[in-house]
ModelCIF file with pLDDT and N, C-alpha, C, O atoms, coordinates in Angstrom:
data_MODEL
#
_entry.id   MODEL 
#
_entity.id                         1 
_entity.type                       polymer 
_entity.pdbx_number_of_molecules   1 
#
_entity_poly.entity_id                      1 
_entity_poly.type                           'polypeptide(L)' 
_entity_poly.nstd_linkage                   no 
_entity_poly.nstd_monomer                   no 
_entity_poly.pdbx_seq_one_letter_code       TETVDVTDDASIAALGERLGGIDHVVSTASARARGRLADLDREAVRL 
_entity_poly.pdbx_seq_one_letter_code_can   TETVDVTDDASIAALGERLGGIDHVVSTASARARGRLADLDREAVRL 
_entity_poly.pdbx_strand_id                 A 
#
loop_
_entity_poly_seq.entity_id 
_entity_poly_seq.num 
_entity_poly_seq.mon_id 
_entity_poly_seq.hetero 
1 1  THR n 
1 2  GLU n 
1 3  THR n 
1 4  VAL n 
1 5  ASP n 
1 6  VAL n 
1 7  THR n 
1 8  ASP n 
1 9  ASP n 
1 10 ALA n 
1 11 SER n 
1 12 ILE n 
1 13 ALA n 
1 14 ALA n 
1 15 LEU n 
1 16 GLY n 
1 17 GLU n 
1 18 ARG n 
1 19 LEU n 
1 20 GLY n 
1 21 GLY n 
1 22 ILE n 
1 23 ASP n 
1 24 HIS n 
1 25 VAL n 
1 26 VAL n 
1 27 SER n 
1 28 THR n 
1 29 ALA n 
1 30 SER n 
1 31 ALA n 
1 32 ARG n 
1 33 ALA n 
1 34 ARG n 
1 35 GLY n 
1 36 ARG n 
1 37 LEU n 
1 38 ALA n 
1 39 ASP n 
1 40 LEU n 
1 41 ASP n 
1 42 ARG n 
1 43 GLU n 
1 44 ALA n 
1 45 VAL n 
1 46 ARG n 
1 47 LEU n 
#
_struct_asym.id          A 
_struct_asym.entity_id   1 
#
loop_
_ma_qa_metric.id 
_ma_qa_metric.mode 
_ma_qa_metric.name 
_ma_qa_metric.software_group_id 
_ma_qa_metric.type 
1 global pLDDT . pLDDT 
2 local  pLDDT . pLDDT 
#
_ma_qa_metric_global.metric_id      1 
_ma_qa_metric_global.metric_value   95.09 
_ma_qa_metric_global.model_id       1 
_ma_qa_metric_global.ordinal_id     1 
#
loop_
_ma_qa_metric_local.label_asym_id 
_ma_qa_metric_local.label_comp_id 
_ma_qa_metric_local.label_seq_id 
_ma_qa_metric_local.metric_id 
_ma_qa_metric_local.metric_value 
_ma_qa_metric_local.model_id 
_ma_qa_metric_local.ordinal_id 
A THR 1  2 97.00 1 1  
A GLU 2  2 97.00 1 2  
A THR 3  2 97.00 1 3  
A VAL 4  2 98.00 1 4  
A ASP 5  2 97.00 1 5  
A VAL 6  2 97.00 1 6  
A THR 7  2 97.00 1 7  
A ASP 8  2 97.00 1 8  
A ASP 9  2 97.00 1 9  
A ALA 10 2 98.00 1 10 
A SER 11 2 98.00 1 11 
A ILE 12 2 98.00 1 12 
A ALA 13 2 98.00 1 13 
A ALA 14 2 98.00 1 14 
A LEU 15 2 98.00 1 15 
A GLY 16 2 97.00 1 16 
A GLU 17 2 97.00 1 17 
A ARG 18 2 97.00 1 18 
A LEU 19 2 96.00 1 19 
A GLY 20 2 93.00 1 20 
A GLY 21 2 95.00 1 21 
A ILE 22 2 97.00 1 22 
A ASP 23 2 98.00 1 23 
A HIS 24 2 98.00 1 24 
A VAL 25 2 98.00 1 25 
A VAL 26 2 98.00 1 26 
A SER 27 2 98.00 1 27 
A THR 28 2 97.00 1 28 
A ALA 29 2 95.00 1 29 
A SER 30 2 92.00 1 30 
A ALA 31 2 89.00 1 31 
A ARG 32 2 83.00 1 32 
A ALA 33 2 88.00 1 33 
A ARG 34 2 86.00 1 34 
A GLY 35 2 90.00 1 35 
A ARG 36 2 93.00 1 36 
A LEU 37 2 93.00 1 37 
A ALA 38 2 92.00 1 38 
A ASP 39 2 92.00 1 39 
A LEU 40 2 93.00 1 40 
A ASP 41 2 92.00 1 41 
A ARG 42 2 94.00 1 42 
A GLU 43 2 95.00 1 43 
A ALA 44 2 94.00 1 44 
A VAL 45 2 95.00 1 45 
A ARG 46 2 96.00 1 46 
A LEU 47 2 96.00 1 47 
#
loop_
_atom_site.group_PDB 
_atom_site.id 
_atom_site.type_symbol 
_atom_site.label_atom_id 
_atom_site.label_alt_id 
_atom_site.label_comp_id 
_atom_site.label_asym_id 
_atom_site.label_entity_id 
_atom_site.label_seq_id 
_atom_site.pdbx_PDB_ins_code 
_atom_site.Cartn_x 
_atom_site.Cartn_y 
_atom_site.Cartn_z 
_atom_site.occupancy 
_atom_site.B_iso_or_equiv 
_atom_site.pdbx_formal_charge 
_atom_site.auth_seq_id 
_atom_site.auth_comp_id 
_atom_site.auth_asym_id 
_atom_site.auth_atom_id 
_atom_site.pdbx_PDB_model_num 
ATOM 1   N N  . THR A 1 1  ? 0.582   -0.988 0.441   1.00 97.00 ? 1  THR A N  1 
ATOM 2   C CA . THR A 1 1  ? 0.365   -0.532 0.116   1.00 97.00 ? 1  THR A CA 1 
ATOM 3   C C  . THR A 1 1  ? 1.322   1.167  0.019   1.00 97.00 ? 1  THR A C  1 
ATOM 4   O O  . THR A 1 1  ? 2.502   1.323  0.336   1.00 97.00 ? 1  THR A O  1 
ATOM 5   N N  . GLU A 1 2  ? 0.169   2.469  -0.620  1.00 97.00 ? 2  GLU A N  1 
ATOM 6   C CA . GLU A 1 2  ? 0.798   3.782  -0.485  1.00 97.00 ? 2  GLU A CA 1 
ATOM 7   C C  . GLU A 1 2  ? 0.096   4.923  -0.453  1.00 97.00 ? 2  GLU A C  1 
ATOM 8   O O  . GLU A 1 2  ? -0.934  4.528  -1.000  1.00 97.00 ? 2  GLU A O  1 
ATOM 9   N N  . THR A 1 3  ? -0.142  6.361  -0.141  1.00 97.00 ? 3  THR A N  1 
ATOM 10  C CA . THR A 1 3  ? -0.323  7.166  0.252   1.00 97.00 ? 3  THR A CA 1 
ATOM 11  C C  . THR A 1 3  ? -0.733  7.872  -1.402  1.00 97.00 ? 3  THR A C  1 
ATOM 12  O O  . THR A 1 3  ? 0.111   8.039  -2.282  1.00 97.00 ? 3  THR A O  1 
ATOM 13  N N  . VAL A 1 4  ? -1.936  8.151  -1.512  1.00 98.00 ? 4  VAL A N  1 
ATOM 14  C CA . VAL A 1 4  ? -1.603  10.027 -2.557  1.00 98.00 ? 4  VAL A CA 1 
ATOM 15  C C  . VAL A 1 4  ? -3.041  10.149 -2.203  1.00 98.00 ? 4  VAL A C  1 
ATOM 16  O O  . VAL A 1 4  ? -3.927  9.392  -1.805  1.00 98.00 ? 4  VAL A O  1 
ATOM 17  N N  . ASP A 1 5  ? -2.903  11.566 -2.547  1.00 97.00 ? 5  ASP A N  1 
ATOM 18  C CA . ASP A 1 5  ? -4.071  12.395 -2.623  1.00 97.00 ? 5  ASP A CA 1 
ATOM 19  C C  . ASP A 1 5  ? -4.113  13.111 -4.483  1.00 97.00 ? 5  ASP A C  1 
ATOM 20  O O  . ASP A 1 5  ? -3.143  13.664 -5.001  1.00 97.00 ? 5  ASP A O  1 
ATOM 21  N N  . VAL A 1 6  ? -5.362  12.910 -5.119  1.00 97.00 ? 6  VAL A N  1 
ATOM 22  C CA . VAL A 1 6  ? -5.486  12.531 -6.659  1.00 97.00 ? 6  VAL A CA 1 
ATOM 23  C C  . VAL A 1 6  ? -5.467  13.965 -6.684  1.00 97.00 ? 6  VAL A C  1 
ATOM 24  O O  . VAL A 1 6  ? -4.863  14.658 -7.503  1.00 97.00 ? 6  VAL A O  1 
ATOM 25  N N  . THR A 1 7  ? -6.540  14.565 -5.228  1.00 97.00 ? 7  THR A N  1 
ATOM 26  C CA . THR A 1 7  ? -6.228  16.521 -5.666  1.00 97.00 ? 7  THR A CA 1 
ATOM 27  C C  . THR A 1 7  ? -5.625  16.572 -5.958  1.00 97.00 ? 7  THR A C  1 
ATOM 28  O O  . THR A 1 7  ? -5.621  17.212 -7.010  1.00 97.00 ? 7  THR A O  1 
ATOM 29  N N  . ASP A 1 8  ? -4.218  15.967 -5.450  1.00 97.00 ? 8  ASP A N  1 
ATOM 30  C CA . ASP A 1 8  ? -2.852  17.230 -4.323  1.00 97.00 ? 8  ASP A CA 1 
ATOM 31  C C  . ASP A 1 8  ? -1.658  16.792 -5.949  1.00 97.00 ? 8  ASP A C  1 
ATOM 32  O O  . ASP A 1 8  ? -1.146  15.678 -6.065  1.00 97.00 ? 8  ASP A O  1 
ATOM 33  N N  . ASP A 1 9  ? -1.468  17.843 -6.915  1.00 97.00 ? 9  ASP A N  1 
ATOM 34  C CA . ASP A 1 9  ? -0.353  17.567 -7.570  1.00 97.00 ? 9  ASP A CA 1 
ATOM 35  C C  . ASP A 1 9  ? 0.877   16.974 -7.181  1.00 97.00 ? 9  ASP A C  1 
ATOM 36  O O  . ASP A 1 9  ? 1.538   16.329 -7.995  1.00 97.00 ? 9  ASP A O  1 
ATOM 37  N N  . ALA A 1 10 ? 1.417   17.217 -5.435  1.00 98.00 ? 10 ALA A N  1 
ATOM 38  C CA . ALA A 1 10 ? 2.492   17.212 -5.270  1.00 98.00 ? 10 ALA A CA 1 
ATOM 39  C C  . ALA A 1 10 ? 2.681   15.929 -4.143  1.00 98.00 ? 10 ALA A C  1 
ATOM 40  O O  . ALA A 1 10 ? 3.826   15.759 -3.725  1.00 98.00 ? 10 ALA A O  1 
ATOM 41  N N  . SER A 1 11 ? 1.497   14.934 -3.590  1.00 98.00 ? 11 SER A N  1 
ATOM 42  C CA . SER A 1 11 ? 1.227   13.536 -3.317  1.00 98.00 ? 11 SER A CA 1 
ATOM 43  C C  . SER A 1 11 ? 1.699   13.146 -3.956  1.00 98.00 ? 11 SER A C  1 
ATOM 44  O O  . SER A 1 11 ? 2.672   12.398 -3.863  1.00 98.00 ? 11 SER A O  1 
ATOM 45  N N  . ILE A 1 12 ? 0.853   13.743 -5.340  1.00 98.00 ? 12 ILE A N  1 
ATOM 46  C CA . ILE A 1 12 ? 1.183   12.508 -6.612  1.00 98.00 ? 12 ILE A CA 1 
ATOM 47  C C  . ILE A 1 12 ? 2.321   11.972 -7.631  1.00 98.00 ? 12 ILE A C  1 
ATOM 48  O O  . ILE A 1 12 ? 2.393   10.962 -8.331  1.00 98.00 ? 12 ILE A O  1 
ATOM 49  N N  . ALA A 1 13 ? 3.756   13.813 -7.275  1.00 98.00 ? 13 ALA A N  1 
ATOM 50  C CA . ALA A 1 13 ? 4.376   13.545 -7.497  1.00 98.00 ? 13 ALA A CA 1 
ATOM 51  C C  . ALA A 1 13 ? 5.730   12.411 -6.562  1.00 98.00 ? 13 ALA A C  1 
ATOM 52  O O  . ALA A 1 13 ? 6.597   11.616 -6.925  1.00 98.00 ? 13 ALA A O  1 
ATOM 53  N N  . ALA A 1 14 ? 5.176   13.007 -5.114  1.00 98.00 ? 14 ALA A N  1 
ATOM 54  C CA . ALA A 1 14 ? 5.449   12.824 -4.364  1.00 98.00 ? 14 ALA A CA 1 
ATOM 55  C C  . ALA A 1 14 ? 5.161   10.500 -4.631  1.00 98.00 ? 14 ALA A C  1 
ATOM 56  O O  . ALA A 1 14 ? 5.996   9.597  -4.574  1.00 98.00 ? 14 ALA A O  1 
ATOM 57  N N  . LEU A 1 15 ? 4.461   10.482 -4.751  1.00 98.00 ? 15 LEU A N  1 
ATOM 58  C CA . LEU A 1 15 ? 4.556   8.517  -4.979  1.00 98.00 ? 15 LEU A CA 1 
ATOM 59  C C  . LEU A 1 15 ? 5.073   8.183  -6.251  1.00 98.00 ? 15 LEU A C  1 
ATOM 60  O O  . LEU A 1 15 ? 5.580   7.081  -6.464  1.00 98.00 ? 15 LEU A O  1 
ATOM 61  N N  . GLY A 1 16 ? 4.967   9.155  -7.194  1.00 97.00 ? 16 GLY A N  1 
ATOM 62  C CA . GLY A 1 16 ? 6.511   8.917  -8.548  1.00 97.00 ? 16 GLY A CA 1 
ATOM 63  C C  . GLY A 1 16 ? 7.296   8.385  -8.307  1.00 97.00 ? 16 GLY A C  1 
ATOM 64  O O  . GLY A 1 16 ? 7.430   7.169  -8.439  1.00 97.00 ? 16 GLY A O  1 
ATOM 65  N N  . GLU A 1 17 ? 8.199   9.305  -7.794  1.00 97.00 ? 17 GLU A N  1 
ATOM 66  C CA . GLU A 1 17 ? 9.537   9.835  -6.557  1.00 97.00 ? 17 GLU A CA 1 
ATOM 67  C C  . GLU A 1 17 ? 9.550   7.665  -5.890  1.00 97.00 ? 17 GLU A C  1 
ATOM 68  O O  . GLU A 1 17 ? 10.088  6.655  -6.343  1.00 97.00 ? 17 GLU A O  1 
ATOM 69  N N  . ARG A 1 18 ? 8.699   7.932  -4.752  1.00 97.00 ? 18 ARG A N  1 
ATOM 70  C CA . ARG A 1 18 ? 8.852   7.172  -4.448  1.00 97.00 ? 18 ARG A CA 1 
ATOM 71  C C  . ARG A 1 18 ? 8.510   5.011  -5.579  1.00 97.00 ? 18 ARG A C  1 
ATOM 72  O O  . ARG A 1 18 ? 8.883   3.839  -5.540  1.00 97.00 ? 18 ARG A O  1 
ATOM 73  N N  . LEU A 1 19 ? 8.003   5.530  -5.996  1.00 96.00 ? 19 LEU A N  1 
ATOM 74  C CA . LEU A 1 19 ? 7.535   4.379  -6.815  1.00 96.00 ? 19 LEU A CA 1 
ATOM 75  C C  . LEU A 1 19 ? 9.068   4.211  -7.673  1.00 96.00 ? 19 LEU A C  1 
ATOM 76  O O  . LEU A 1 19 ? 10.135  3.700  -7.334  1.00 96.00 ? 19 LEU A O  1 
ATOM 77  N N  . GLY A 1 20 ? 8.708   4.762  -8.685  1.00 93.00 ? 20 GLY A N  1 
ATOM 78  C CA . GLY A 1 20 ? 10.059  4.463  -9.336  1.00 93.00 ? 20 GLY A CA 1 
ATOM 79  C C  . GLY A 1 20 ? 9.866   4.133  -11.055 1.00 93.00 ? 20 GLY A C  1 
ATOM 80  O O  . GLY A 1 20 ? 9.740   5.063  -11.852 1.00 93.00 ? 20 GLY A O  1 
ATOM 81  N N  . GLY A 1 21 ? 9.863   3.279  -11.312 1.00 95.00 ? 21 GLY A N  1 
ATOM 82  C CA . GLY A 1 21 ? 9.164   2.394  -11.891 1.00 95.00 ? 21 GLY A CA 1 
ATOM 83  C C  . GLY A 1 21 ? 7.745   2.289  -11.940 1.00 95.00 ? 21 GLY A C  1 
ATOM 84  O O  . GLY A 1 21 ? 7.126   2.867  -11.047 1.00 95.00 ? 21 GLY A O  1 
ATOM 85  N N  . ILE A 1 22 ? 6.918   1.477  -13.068 1.00 97.00 ? 22 ILE A N  1 
ATOM 86  C CA . ILE A 1 22 ? 5.196   1.396  -13.085 1.00 97.00 ? 22 ILE A CA 1 
ATOM 87  C C  . ILE A 1 22 ? 5.379   1.122  -14.919 1.00 97.00 ? 22 ILE A C  1 
ATOM 88  O O  . ILE A 1 22 ? 5.854   1.630  -15.935 1.00 97.00 ? 22 ILE A O  1 
ATOM 89  N N  . ASP A 1 23 ? 4.467   -0.291 -14.318 1.00 98.00 ? 23 ASP A N  1 
ATOM 90  C CA . ASP A 1 23 ? 4.042   -1.296 -16.106 1.00 98.00 ? 23 ASP A CA 1 
ATOM 91  C C  . ASP A 1 23 ? 2.596   -0.209 -16.525 1.00 98.00 ? 23 ASP A C  1 
ATOM 92  O O  . ASP A 1 23 ? 2.366   0.290  -17.626 1.00 98.00 ? 23 ASP A O  1 
ATOM 93  N N  . HIS A 1 24 ? 1.531   -0.028 -14.870 1.00 98.00 ? 24 HIS A N  1 
ATOM 94  C CA . HIS A 1 24 ? -0.089  0.562  -15.278 1.00 98.00 ? 24 HIS A CA 1 
ATOM 95  C C  . HIS A 1 24 ? -0.332  0.610  -14.663 1.00 98.00 ? 24 HIS A C  1 
ATOM 96  O O  . HIS A 1 24 ? 0.197   0.308  -13.593 1.00 98.00 ? 24 HIS A O  1 
ATOM 97  N N  . VAL A 1 25 ? -1.353  1.040  -14.889 1.00 98.00 ? 25 VAL A N  1 
ATOM 98  C CA . VAL A 1 25 ? -2.012  2.429  -14.233 1.00 98.00 ? 25 VAL A CA 1 
ATOM 99  C C  . VAL A 1 25 ? -3.742  2.281  -13.842 1.00 98.00 ? 25 VAL A C  1 
ATOM 100 O O  . VAL A 1 25 ? -4.583  2.340  -14.739 1.00 98.00 ? 25 VAL A O  1 
ATOM 101 N N  . VAL A 1 26 ? -4.130  2.079  -12.342 1.00 98.00 ? 26 VAL A N  1 
ATOM 102 C CA . VAL A 1 26 ? -5.646  2.192  -12.244 1.00 98.00 ? 26 VAL A CA 1 
ATOM 103 C C  . VAL A 1 26 ? -6.403  3.193  -11.849 1.00 98.00 ? 26 VAL A C  1 
ATOM 104 O O  . VAL A 1 26 ? -6.588  3.252  -10.634 1.00 98.00 ? 26 VAL A O  1 
ATOM 105 N N  . SER A 1 27 ? -6.909  4.017  -12.520 1.00 98.00 ? 27 SER A N  1 
ATOM 106 C CA . SER A 1 27 ? -7.051  5.214  -11.396 1.00 98.00 ? 27 SER A CA 1 
ATOM 107 C C  . SER A 1 27 ? -8.966  4.836  -11.382 1.00 98.00 ? 27 SER A C  1 
ATOM 108 O O  . SER A 1 27 ? -9.534  4.827  -12.474 1.00 98.00 ? 27 SER A O  1 
ATOM 109 N N  . THR A 1 28 ? -9.921  4.509  -9.888  1.00 97.00 ? 28 THR A N  1 
ATOM 110 C CA . THR A 1 28 ? -10.929 4.168  -9.978  1.00 97.00 ? 28 THR A CA 1 
ATOM 111 C C  . THR A 1 28 ? -11.930 5.160  -8.893  1.00 97.00 ? 28 THR A C  1 
ATOM 112 O O  . THR A 1 28 ? -13.136 4.978  -8.724  1.00 97.00 ? 28 THR A O  1 
ATOM 113 N N  . ALA A 1 29 ? -11.078 6.260  -8.212  1.00 95.00 ? 29 ALA A N  1 
ATOM 114 C CA . ALA A 1 29 ? -11.000 6.975  -7.180  1.00 95.00 ? 29 ALA A CA 1 
ATOM 115 C C  . ALA A 1 29 ? -12.237 8.770  -7.962  1.00 95.00 ? 29 ALA A C  1 
ATOM 116 O O  . ALA A 1 29 ? -11.971 9.743  -8.668  1.00 95.00 ? 29 ALA A O  1 
ATOM 117 N N  . SER A 1 30 ? -13.140 8.399  -7.451  1.00 92.00 ? 30 SER A N  1 
ATOM 118 C CA . SER A 1 30 ? -14.384 9.046  -7.483  1.00 92.00 ? 30 SER A CA 1 
ATOM 119 C C  . SER A 1 30 ? -15.084 9.376  -6.296  1.00 92.00 ? 30 SER A C  1 
ATOM 120 O O  . SER A 1 30 ? -15.294 8.570  -5.390  1.00 92.00 ? 30 SER A O  1 
ATOM 121 N N  . ALA A 1 31 ? -15.504 10.752 -6.302  1.00 89.00 ? 31 ALA A N  1 
ATOM 122 C CA . ALA A 1 31 ? -16.746 11.526 -5.649  1.00 89.00 ? 31 ALA A CA 1 
ATOM 123 C C  . ALA A 1 31 ? -17.865 12.384 -7.001  1.00 89.00 ? 31 ALA A C  1 
ATOM 124 O O  . ALA A 1 31 ? -17.761 13.083 -8.009  1.00 89.00 ? 31 ALA A O  1 
ATOM 125 N N  . ARG A 1 32 ? -19.000 11.661 -6.049  1.00 83.00 ? 32 ARG A N  1 
ATOM 126 C CA . ARG A 1 32 ? -20.120 12.107 -6.969  1.00 83.00 ? 32 ARG A CA 1 
ATOM 127 C C  . ARG A 1 32 ? -20.894 13.088 -6.619  1.00 83.00 ? 32 ARG A C  1 
ATOM 128 O O  . ARG A 1 32 ? -20.975 13.178 -5.394  1.00 83.00 ? 32 ARG A O  1 
ATOM 129 N N  . ALA A 1 33 ? -21.457 13.812 -7.155  1.00 88.00 ? 33 ALA A N  1 
ATOM 130 C CA . ALA A 1 33 ? -21.936 15.033 -7.564  1.00 88.00 ? 33 ALA A CA 1 
ATOM 131 C C  . ALA A 1 33 ? -23.619 15.020 -7.417  1.00 88.00 ? 33 ALA A C  1 
ATOM 132 O O  . ALA A 1 33 ? -24.094 16.113 -7.110  1.00 88.00 ? 33 ALA A O  1 
ATOM 133 N N  . ARG A 1 34 ? -24.207 14.336 -7.529  1.00 86.00 ? 34 ARG A N  1 
ATOM 134 C CA . ARG A 1 34 ? -25.247 14.771 -6.876  1.00 86.00 ? 34 ARG A CA 1 
ATOM 135 C C  . ARG A 1 34 ? -26.354 15.077 -6.489  1.00 86.00 ? 34 ARG A C  1 
ATOM 136 O O  . ARG A 1 34 ? -26.769 15.764 -5.555  1.00 86.00 ? 34 ARG A O  1 
ATOM 137 N N  . GLY A 1 35 ? -27.140 14.105 -7.857  1.00 90.00 ? 35 GLY A N  1 
ATOM 138 C CA . GLY A 1 35 ? -28.776 15.675 -7.771  1.00 90.00 ? 35 GLY A CA 1 
ATOM 139 C C  . GLY A 1 35 ? -28.814 16.521 -8.360  1.00 90.00 ? 35 GLY A C  1 
ATOM 140 O O  . GLY A 1 35 ? -27.738 17.118 -8.335  1.00 90.00 ? 35 GLY A O  1 
ATOM 141 N N  . ARG A 1 36 ? -30.132 17.340 -9.442  1.00 93.00 ? 36 ARG A N  1 
ATOM 142 C CA . ARG A 1 36 ? -30.611 17.446 -9.993  1.00 93.00 ? 36 ARG A CA 1 
ATOM 143 C C  . ARG A 1 36 ? -30.813 19.419 -9.644  1.00 93.00 ? 36 ARG A C  1 
ATOM 144 O O  . ARG A 1 36 ? -31.049 19.986 -8.577  1.00 93.00 ? 36 ARG A O  1 
ATOM 145 N N  . LEU A 1 37 ? -30.587 20.020 -11.095 1.00 93.00 ? 37 LEU A N  1 
ATOM 146 C CA . LEU A 1 37 ? -29.685 20.911 -11.071 1.00 93.00 ? 37 LEU A CA 1 
ATOM 147 C C  . LEU A 1 37 ? -29.297 22.381 -10.179 1.00 93.00 ? 37 LEU A C  1 
ATOM 148 O O  . LEU A 1 37 ? -28.280 23.071 -10.118 1.00 93.00 ? 37 LEU A O  1 
ATOM 149 N N  . ALA A 1 38 ? -30.634 22.463 -9.548  1.00 92.00 ? 38 ALA A N  1 
ATOM 150 C CA . ALA A 1 38 ? -30.991 22.952 -8.453  1.00 92.00 ? 38 ALA A CA 1 
ATOM 151 C C  . ALA A 1 38 ? -30.440 22.963 -6.989  1.00 92.00 ? 38 ALA A C  1 
ATOM 152 O O  . ALA A 1 38 ? -30.693 23.750 -6.077  1.00 92.00 ? 38 ALA A O  1 
ATOM 153 N N  . ASP A 1 39 ? -29.643 21.906 -7.016  1.00 92.00 ? 39 ASP A N  1 
ATOM 154 C CA . ASP A 1 39 ? -28.960 21.223 -5.784  1.00 92.00 ? 39 ASP A CA 1 
ATOM 155 C C  . ASP A 1 39 ? -28.133 20.911 -6.069  1.00 92.00 ? 39 ASP A C  1 
ATOM 156 O O  . ASP A 1 39 ? -27.252 20.613 -5.263  1.00 92.00 ? 39 ASP A O  1 
ATOM 157 N N  . LEU A 1 40 ? -27.951 20.796 -7.679  1.00 93.00 ? 40 LEU A N  1 
ATOM 158 C CA . LEU A 1 40 ? -26.333 20.519 -6.652  1.00 93.00 ? 40 LEU A CA 1 
ATOM 159 C C  . LEU A 1 40 ? -25.131 22.062 -6.316  1.00 93.00 ? 40 LEU A C  1 
ATOM 160 O O  . LEU A 1 40 ? -25.159 23.290 -6.391  1.00 93.00 ? 40 LEU A O  1 
ATOM 161 N N  . ASP A 1 41 ? -24.629 21.471 -6.110  1.00 92.00 ? 41 ASP A N  1 
ATOM 162 C CA . ASP A 1 41 ? -22.859 22.371 -4.471  1.00 92.00 ? 41 ASP A CA 1 
ATOM 163 C C  . ASP A 1 41 ? -21.743 22.049 -6.451  1.00 92.00 ? 41 ASP A C  1 
ATOM 164 O O  . ASP A 1 41 ? -21.348 21.061 -7.070  1.00 92.00 ? 41 ASP A O  1 
ATOM 165 N N  . ARG A 1 42 ? -21.689 24.282 -6.754  1.00 94.00 ? 42 ARG A N  1 
ATOM 166 C CA . ARG A 1 42 ? -20.773 23.830 -7.072  1.00 94.00 ? 42 ARG A CA 1 
ATOM 167 C C  . ARG A 1 42 ? -18.590 23.344 -6.650  1.00 94.00 ? 42 ARG A C  1 
ATOM 168 O O  . ARG A 1 42 ? -17.648 23.183 -7.426  1.00 94.00 ? 42 ARG A O  1 
ATOM 169 N N  . GLU A 1 43 ? -18.703 23.268 -4.668  1.00 95.00 ? 43 GLU A N  1 
ATOM 170 C CA . GLU A 1 43 ? -17.629 22.020 -4.395  1.00 95.00 ? 43 GLU A CA 1 
ATOM 171 C C  . GLU A 1 43 ? -17.894 21.416 -4.954  1.00 95.00 ? 43 GLU A C  1 
ATOM 172 O O  . GLU A 1 43 ? -17.541 21.441 -6.133  1.00 95.00 ? 43 GLU A O  1 
ATOM 173 N N  . ALA A 1 44 ? -18.849 20.302 -4.352  1.00 94.00 ? 44 ALA A N  1 
ATOM 174 C CA . ALA A 1 44 ? -19.727 19.267 -4.953  1.00 94.00 ? 44 ALA A CA 1 
ATOM 175 C C  . ALA A 1 44 ? -19.226 18.539 -6.364  1.00 94.00 ? 44 ALA A C  1 
ATOM 176 O O  . ALA A 1 44 ? -18.931 17.349 -6.466  1.00 94.00 ? 44 ALA A O  1 
ATOM 177 N N  . VAL A 1 45 ? -19.193 19.688 -7.598  1.00 95.00 ? 45 VAL A N  1 
ATOM 178 C CA . VAL A 1 45 ? -19.113 19.621 -9.201  1.00 95.00 ? 45 VAL A CA 1 
ATOM 179 C C  . VAL A 1 45 ? -17.521 19.560 -9.247  1.00 95.00 ? 45 VAL A C  1 
ATOM 180 O O  . VAL A 1 45 ? -16.893 18.570 -9.620  1.00 95.00 ? 45 VAL A O  1 
ATOM 181 N N  . ARG A 1 46 ? -17.097 20.461 -8.921  1.00 96.00 ? 46 ARG A N  1 
ATOM 182 C CA . ARG A 1 46 ? -15.564 20.970 -8.828  1.00 96.00 ? 46 ARG A CA 1 
ATOM 183 C C  . ARG A 1 46 ? -15.087 19.823 -8.081  1.00 96.00 ? 46 ARG A C  1 
ATOM 184 O O  . ARG A 1 46 ? -14.212 19.346 -8.803  1.00 96.00 ? 46 ARG A O  1 
ATOM 185 N N  . LEU A 1 47 ? -15.242 18.647 -6.332  1.00 96.00 ? 47 LEU A N  1 
ATOM 186 C CA . LEU A 1 47 ? -13.971 17.668 -6.147  1.00 96.00 ? 47 LEU A CA 1 
ATOM 187 C C  . LEU A 1 47 ? -14.763 16.408 -7.518  1.00 96.00 ? 47 LEU A C  1 
ATOM 188 O O  . LEU A 1 47 ? -14.169 15.373 -7.821  1.00 96.00 ? 47 LEU A O  1 
#
């Protein structure tokens, strides 16, 4: 296991340094902005 925050470029860069080489990358990370238009929050959509 490793630590990374995909919303933080420094965290991603640091992970790369720790990993060295890698063959395949799979990103399953998600943060859902659910709801109808009137209920959508800008920050939720941005995230």
